[in-house]
């Protein structure tokens, strides 16, 4: 008897009872809409509920960031250090950088909760739009 046969048996059992989770495939159409099996649907399970992943200014600034810093992960910050763009003089583990700025200055939100981040982002964009 193979040492993994119990796992295989359990997987077959779950599959027979339609209890296996499977990844679903979709095509993103916008920040909130996806195409699933030929149908346009609203993606209520996304964390991108404000649609910021598709915001033109954020995409432009993300491209600039990638040109300067690349796309890959580096070693632990304790081993290799932090990128200069994240040097705030204190721990950045709780800071979400917002890539919207005046004259090249990056604004950042430093809060503990997603709702507060969202409220802060709305305020940043309101200021950008209203001047």
Protein backbone atom coordinates (compact mmCIF):
# COMPACT_ATOMS: atom_id res chain seq x y z
CA UNK A 1 0.00 0.00 0.00
CA UNK A 2 1.34 3.39 -1.07
CA UNK A 3 1.75 5.97 1.72
CA UNK A 4 -0.34 8.44 -0.31
CA UNK A 5 -3.17 6.07 -1.15
CA UNK A 6 -5.31 7.42 1.70
CA UNK A 7 -5.06 10.90 0.16
CA UNK A 8 -5.99 9.56 -3.28
CA UNK A 9 -8.92 7.67 -1.75
CA UNK A 10 -10.17 10.80 0.00
CA UNK A 11 -9.87 12.87 -3.18
CA UNK A 12 -11.86 10.26 -5.14
CA UNK A 13 -14.47 10.19 -2.37
CA UNK A 14 -14.83 13.97 -2.38
CA UNK A 15 -14.98 14.08 -6.16
CA UNK A 16 -17.78 11.50 -6.19
CA UNK A 17 -19.74 13.73 -3.78
CA UNK A 18 -18.98 16.90 -5.79
CA UNK A 19 -17.03 18.33 -2.86
CA UNK A 20 -13.78 19.13 -4.62
CA UNK A 21 -13.02 22.80 -5.04
CA UNK A 22 -11.88 23.76 -8.51
CA UNK A 23 -10.47 26.98 -9.83
CA UNK A 24 -12.80 28.89 -12.10
CA UNK A 25 -11.50 30.74 -15.12
CA UNK A 26 -12.75 34.18 -16.12
CA UNK A 27 -11.70 37.07 -18.31
CA UNK A 28 -11.58 40.50 -16.67
CA UNK A 29 -13.53 43.09 -18.64
CA UNK A 30 -13.25 45.97 -16.18
CA UNK A 31 -12.42 46.36 -12.53
CA UNK A 32 -15.82 44.95 -11.56
CA UNK A 33 -17.07 42.96 -14.57
CA UNK A 34 -15.82 39.60 -15.79
CA UNK A 35 -16.68 37.25 -18.61
CA UNK A 36 -17.58 33.74 -17.38
CA UNK A 37 -18.63 31.07 -19.88
CA UNK A 38 -19.68 33.75 -22.36
CA UNK A 39 -21.71 35.76 -19.81
CA UNK A 40 -20.84 39.20 -18.45
CA UNK A 41 -21.04 39.13 -14.66
CA UNK A 42 -20.27 41.43 -11.74
CA UNK A 43 -17.39 40.09 -9.65
CA UNK A 44 -18.60 40.55 -6.07
CA UNK A 45 -15.71 38.47 -4.71
CA UNK A 46 -13.00 40.88 -5.84
CA UNK A 47 -11.00 43.03 -3.46
CA UNK A 48 -10.89 45.66 -6.20
CA UNK A 49 -14.36 47.00 -5.41
CA UNK A 50 -13.27 50.59 -6.12
CA UNK A 51 -11.89 49.65 -9.51
CA UNK A 52 -8.46 51.08 -8.74
CA UNK A 53 -6.62 48.28 -10.54
CA UNK A 54 -7.83 49.74 -13.84
CA UNK A 55 -7.50 53.44 -12.97
CA UNK A 56 -5.45 55.06 -15.78
CA UNK A 57 -3.28 57.20 -13.49
CA UNK A 58 -2.49 54.30 -11.17
CA UNK A 59 -1.61 52.07 -14.14
CA UNK A 60 0.67 54.79 -15.52
CA UNK A 61 2.44 55.24 -12.19
CA UNK A 62 2.72 51.47 -11.70
CA UNK A 63 4.44 51.30 -15.11
CA UNK A 64 6.87 54.01 -14.00
CA UNK A 65 7.55 52.07 -10.80
CA UNK A 66 8.25 48.89 -12.78
CA UNK A 67 10.65 50.76 -15.08
CA UNK A 68 12.61 51.96 -12.04
CA UNK A 69 12.35 48.97 -9.73
CA UNK A 70 11.37 45.95 -11.83
CA UNK A 71 8.69 43.40 -11.07
CA UNK A 72 10.43 40.66 -9.12
CA UNK A 73 10.75 40.03 -5.44
CA UNK A 74 14.07 40.61 -3.73
CA UNK A 75 15.49 39.08 -0.59
CA UNK A 76 14.09 39.84 2.83
CA UNK A 77 14.27 43.56 3.63
CA UNK A 78 16.28 42.68 6.72
CA UNK A 79 18.91 41.06 4.48
CA UNK A 80 19.07 43.31 1.44
CA UNK A 81 17.41 46.50 2.68
CA UNK A 82 14.40 48.45 1.36
CA UNK A 83 13.93 50.30 -1.87
CA UNK A 84 14.45 54.03 -1.47
CA UNK A 85 10.84 54.72 -2.49
CA UNK A 86 9.65 52.96 0.67
CA UNK A 87 12.07 54.73 3.02
CA UNK A 88 9.77 56.63 5.35
CA UNK A 89 12.03 56.56 8.37
CA UNK A 90 9.85 53.91 10.02
CA UNK A 91 8.46 50.44 9.37
CA UNK A 92 6.49 50.27 6.12
CA UNK A 93 4.72 46.99 6.83
CA UNK A 94 1.48 48.85 7.60
CA UNK A 95 1.69 51.53 4.89
CA UNK A 96 -0.13 51.33 1.58
CA UNK A 97 1.57 53.64 -0.91
CA UNK A 98 -0.84 55.58 -3.09
CA UNK A 99 0.74 56.29 -6.44
CA UNK A 100 -0.88 59.70 -6.86
CA UNK A 101 1.20 62.76 -6.14
CA UNK A 102 1.90 66.41 -6.64
CA UNK A 103 5.23 67.18 -8.34
CA UNK A 104 6.42 63.61 -7.97
CA UNK A 105 5.72 63.27 -4.26
CA UNK A 106 4.11 59.99 -3.25
CA UNK A 107 1.25 60.15 -0.80
CA UNK A 108 0.76 57.28 1.60
CA UNK A 109 -1.99 56.07 3.86
CA UNK A 110 -0.94 54.67 7.19
CA UNK A 111 -3.93 53.02 8.79
CA UNK A 112 -4.86 49.65 10.18
CA UNK A 113 -8.18 48.97 8.47
CA UNK A 114 -9.30 48.54 4.87
CA UNK A 115 -12.30 50.82 5.37
CA UNK A 116 -10.02 53.61 6.52
CA UNK A 117 -7.73 53.00 3.54
CA UNK A 118 -10.73 53.23 1.24
CA UNK A 119 -11.93 56.46 2.80
CA UNK A 120 -8.44 57.89 2.47
CA UNK A 121 -8.21 56.87 -1.19
CA UNK A 122 -11.55 58.49 -1.92
CA UNK A 123 -10.28 61.70 -0.31
CA UNK A 124 -7.03 61.58 -2.35
CA UNK A 125 -8.96 61.15 -5.61
CA UNK A 126 -11.49 63.84 -4.61
CA UNK A 127 -8.62 66.29 -4.14
CA UNK A 128 -7.06 65.27 -7.45
CA UNK A 129 -10.32 65.80 -9.32
CA UNK A 130 -11.37 68.99 -7.54
CA UNK A 131 -7.90 70.51 -7.37
